[in-house]
Each structure stands twice: as structure tokens, then as C-alpha cells.
């Protein structure tokens, strides 16, 4: 709400729900009560526990309704920005299945990868986007460029820009 007021935005509707590949069900969302925590929230307890353990934070949970992004895309969208803590692939695949992926011109995804979690596969996410005429650019946010450390690391954080290929 603060960002909307600070930026004097109009015609903004806040939806107190979690994005998923299904709608209506109450799902548990896992979060940290530590204010300013970098751990974030997730519908996946496994994802959240791994992140919170790394940050030494306690896991809290609440129930929240889930919604499908496709239900909100009735018109063309210039830009969709997603930061949904390891649910990116599920949401993009649901957009594809619903036929609504064509309504988006560009995505900016904050992508959270952990090689232990097979349900948010980076290769599959890129394939879905590129098979639907998006070009993708991937930026690594982590700043540890030591190759030996990277081979051992479990978590990776990327920004993915995907835009329509009009060639």
C-alpha cells in the first residue's frame, strides 16, 4: 500500500492472495516474522525451510487463498513482474495452459533456484518462455564468482527478463 501512495499510482487493485497454478484453495504460506528478513514468503514449506535455515530464522505459517494470474489477464499486459519464491514455473505453465501467456509482452522474474527442488526447474522455465516466442536474458544476482564455491552452493538467485521476439 505504501508504494502505491508514495508513487501516486491510480487504478491499482491489491489482492491479498498468493499466486499459484490453482485458485480458491486455502494454502499455507510460510514466512519469517523477522522484520526486514531477506527470506521472503513461499507456498512451499520445503523451499522456505531451506532458506530460513540458511538465515537462522524460525518458520511461521498462515493460511491464504491462492489465485491464478490468468484470471487477472483479460487485456494485453505490457509488463508482468513476478517475485513468487520458487513458484515461477507453476505460474508460467498455468498461463501457457490457459492461453493467457500470449497476453504478456514482457516478464521480469525474480527466480529462486535450489538444485534440490525439481518442481521449479530453470531449464523448463526458459523452454516454456522461449517456445512461446519470448527471448530471455538471465542475470545472476549472487556475487560469489568463485567457481569452486558455485559448484557446492545450493541456492541461486537470478533476474530473468523475457520479452516477445518480434523477428
Foldseek 3Di string as FASTA:
>chain_A
DVVCVVVVHPPDDDDFAAEFLDWDDWAKKKDFPPPPDPLGIASDPVLSVVSCVVVVTDIDIDIGTYDAVLVVQPAAAAEDEDEHRLRQQRNLVSCVVVVNNVSYFKYKYWDKFFPVDPVRDPVVSCVSLVVVQKDKDKAWPDDDPPVVVVVVDGITIIIMMIGHHPD
